[in-house]
Amino acid sequence: MALNALYDKAFDRHLISFDGDFRLVLSPKVKAKTEDAMVQEYFLRYEGETLDMPDRFFPDVQALKKHREIMLHNYTSSIWSDSK
């Protein structure tokens, strides 16, 4: 997928992903920062928006599903490790 530098880095860090309909999904870590102006401007306002699809070489739905699962797993793992 071709994403701009900000979203590419957020995607690589599992802070954002896309659902099966290619809508932007935010990690709970991002959603927890609702008071942050940058998060509001660049992430919260676009949650649920559909990715502009390329003319060819569509994103792999199964790879995106795995990416979302890792994003959520990383969050739930960090909750348990933070509570120790």
C-alpha atoms as a PDB file:
ATOM      1  CA  MET A   1       0.000   0.000   0.000  1.00  0.00           C
ATOM      2  CA  ALA A   2       1.154   3.486  -0.743  1.00  0.00           C
ATOM      3  CA  LEU A   3       0.649   5.674   2.316  1.00  0.00           C
ATOM      4  CA  ASN A   4       2.178   9.033   3.102  1.00  0.00           C
ATOM      5  CA  ALA A   5       5.101   9.048   5.554  1.00  0.00           C
ATOM      6  CA  LEU A   6       2.983   9.696   8.681  1.00  0.00           C
ATOM      7  CA  TYR A   7       0.442   6.957   7.992  1.00  0.00           C
ATOM      8  CA  ASP A   8       3.104   4.550   6.729  1.00  0.00           C
ATOM      9  CA  LYS A   9       5.007   4.881   9.997  1.00  0.00           C
ATOM     10  CA  ALA A  10       1.788   4.534  12.033  1.00  0.00           C
ATOM     11  CA  PHE A  11       0.878   1.432  10.003  1.00  0.00           C
ATOM     12  CA  ASP A  12       4.341  -0.102  10.500  1.00  0.00           C
ATOM     13  CA  ARG A  13       4.048   0.500  14.251  1.00  0.00           C
ATOM     14  CA  HIS A  14       0.570  -1.078  14.315  1.00  0.00           C
ATOM     15  CA  LEU A  15      -1.074   2.167  15.402  1.00  0.00           C
ATOM     16  CA  ILE A  16      -3.449   2.081  12.448  1.00  0.00           C
ATOM     17  CA  SER A  17      -4.769  -0.611  10.144  1.00  0.00           C
ATOM     18  CA  PHE A  18      -7.607  -1.158   7.686  1.00  0.00           C
ATOM     19  CA  ASP A  19     -10.628  -3.411   7.977  1.00  0.00           C
ATOM     20  CA  GLY A  20     -11.961  -5.829   5.340  1.00  0.00           C
ATOM     21  CA  ASP A  21     -13.703  -2.937   3.586  1.00  0.00           C
ATOM     22  CA  PHE A  22     -10.448  -0.906   3.609  1.00  0.00           C
ATOM     23  CA  ARG A  23     -11.696   1.569   6.226  1.00  0.00           C
ATOM     24  CA  LEU A  24      -9.179   3.132   8.612  1.00  0.00           C
ATOM     25  CA  VAL A  25      -9.038   1.397  11.994  1.00  0.00           C
ATOM     26  CA  LEU A  26      -7.229   3.049  14.901  1.00  0.00           C
ATOM     27  CA  SER A  27      -5.460   1.111  17.593  1.00  0.00           C
ATOM     28  CA  PRO A  28      -6.702   1.563  21.149  1.00  0.00           C
ATOM     29  CA  LYS A  29      -3.377   3.324  21.860  1.00  0.00           C
ATOM     30  CA  VAL A  30      -4.264   6.044  19.353  1.00  0.00           C
ATOM     31  CA  LYS A  31      -7.872   6.253  20.540  1.00  0.00           C
ATOM     32  CA  ALA A  32      -6.637   6.793  24.101  1.00  0.00           C
ATOM     33  CA  LYS A  33      -5.014  10.067  22.988  1.00  0.00           C
ATOM     34  CA  THR A  34      -8.276  11.894  22.213  1.00  0.00           C
ATOM     35  CA  GLU A  35      -7.065  15.119  23.840  1.00  0.00           C
ATOM     36  CA  ASP A  36      -3.954  15.331  21.626  1.00  0.00           C
ATOM     37  CA  ALA A  37      -4.532  17.886  18.853  1.00  0.00           C
ATOM     38  CA  MET A  38      -2.314  16.017  16.376  1.00  0.00           C
ATOM     39  CA  VAL A  39      -4.182  12.756  16.989  1.00  0.00           C
ATOM     40  CA  GLN A  40      -7.484  14.551  16.496  1.00  0.00           C
ATOM     41  CA  GLU A  41      -6.313  16.248  13.289  1.00  0.00           C
ATOM     42  CA  TYR A  42      -4.552  13.343  11.604  1.00  0.00           C
ATOM     43  CA  PHE A  43      -6.191  10.205  12.959  1.00  0.00           C
ATOM     44  CA  LEU A  44      -9.494  10.529  14.836  1.00  0.00           C
ATOM     45  CA  ARG A  45     -11.142  12.607  12.129  1.00  0.00           C
ATOM     46  CA  TYR A  46     -10.333   9.935   9.515  1.00  0.00           C
ATOM     47  CA  GLU A  47     -11.354   6.859  11.488  1.00  0.00           C
ATOM     48  CA  GLY A  48     -13.704   4.774   9.355  1.00  0.00           C
ATOM     49  CA  GLU A  49     -12.778   6.557   6.120  1.00  0.00           C
ATOM     50  CA  THR A  50     -12.162   4.283   3.153  1.00  0.00           C
ATOM     51  CA  LEU A  51      -8.702   3.944   1.660  1.00  0.00           C
ATOM     52  CA  ASP A  52      -8.399   5.345  -1.855  1.00  0.00           C
ATOM     53  CA  MET A  53      -7.929   2.192  -3.880  1.00  0.00           C
ATOM     54  CA  PRO A  54      -5.298   1.889  -6.585  1.00  0.00           C
ATOM     55  CA  ASP A  55      -6.202   1.046 -10.159  1.00  0.00           C
ATOM     56  CA  ARG A  56      -4.290  -2.235  -9.769  1.00  0.00           C
ATOM     57  CA  PHE A  57      -2.312  -4.157  -7.148  1.00  0.00           C
ATOM     58  CA  PHE A  58      -5.032  -4.096  -4.505  1.00  0.00           C
ATOM     59  CA  PRO A  59      -4.074  -4.602  -0.858  1.00  0.00           C
ATOM     60  CA  ASP A  60      -4.186  -8.203   0.357  1.00  0.00           C
ATOM     61  CA  VAL A  61      -7.289  -8.603   2.557  1.00  0.00           C
ATOM     62  CA  GLN A  62      -5.760 -11.526   4.481  1.00  0.00           C
ATOM     63  CA  ALA A  63      -2.537  -9.607   5.152  1.00  0.00           C
ATOM     64  CA  LEU A  64      -4.567  -6.661   6.454  1.00  0.00           C
ATOM     65  CA  LYS A  65      -6.577  -9.003   8.683  1.00  0.00           C
ATOM     66  CA  LYS A  66      -3.344 -10.369  10.157  1.00  0.00           C
ATOM     67  CA  HIS A  67      -2.046  -6.819  10.607  1.00  0.00           C
ATOM     68  CA  ARG A  68      -5.200  -5.844  12.566  1.00  0.00           C
ATOM     69  CA  GLU A  69      -4.887  -8.946  14.724  1.00  0.00           C
ATOM     70  CA  ILE A  70      -1.283  -8.051  15.580  1.00  0.00           C
ATOM     71  CA  MET A  71      -2.332  -4.469  16.338  1.00  0.00           C
ATOM     72  CA  LEU A  72      -4.984  -5.638  18.795  1.00  0.00           C
ATOM     73  CA  HIS A  73      -2.758  -8.358  20.260  1.00  0.00           C
ATOM     74  CA  ASN A  74       0.024  -5.829  20.908  1.00  0.00           C
ATOM     75  CA  TYR A  75      -2.446  -3.619  22.746  1.00  0.00           C
ATOM     76  CA  THR A  76      -3.895  -6.377  24.910  1.00  0.00           C
ATOM     77  CA  SER A  77      -0.393  -7.695  25.651  1.00  0.00           C
ATOM     78  CA  SER A  78       0.728  -4.242  26.779  1.00  0.00           C
ATOM     79  CA  ILE A  79      -2.282  -3.941  29.106  1.00  0.00           C
ATOM     80  CA  TRP A  80      -1.316  -7.147  30.881  1.00  0.00           C
ATOM     81  CA  SER A  81       2.362  -6.240  31.089  1.00  0.00           C
ATOM     82  CA  ASP A  82       1.540  -2.725  32.394  1.00  0.00           C
ATOM     83  CA  SER A  83      -0.646  -4.121  35.172  1.00  0.00           C
ATOM     84  CA  LYS A  84       2.193  -6.151  36.746  1.00  0.00           C
END
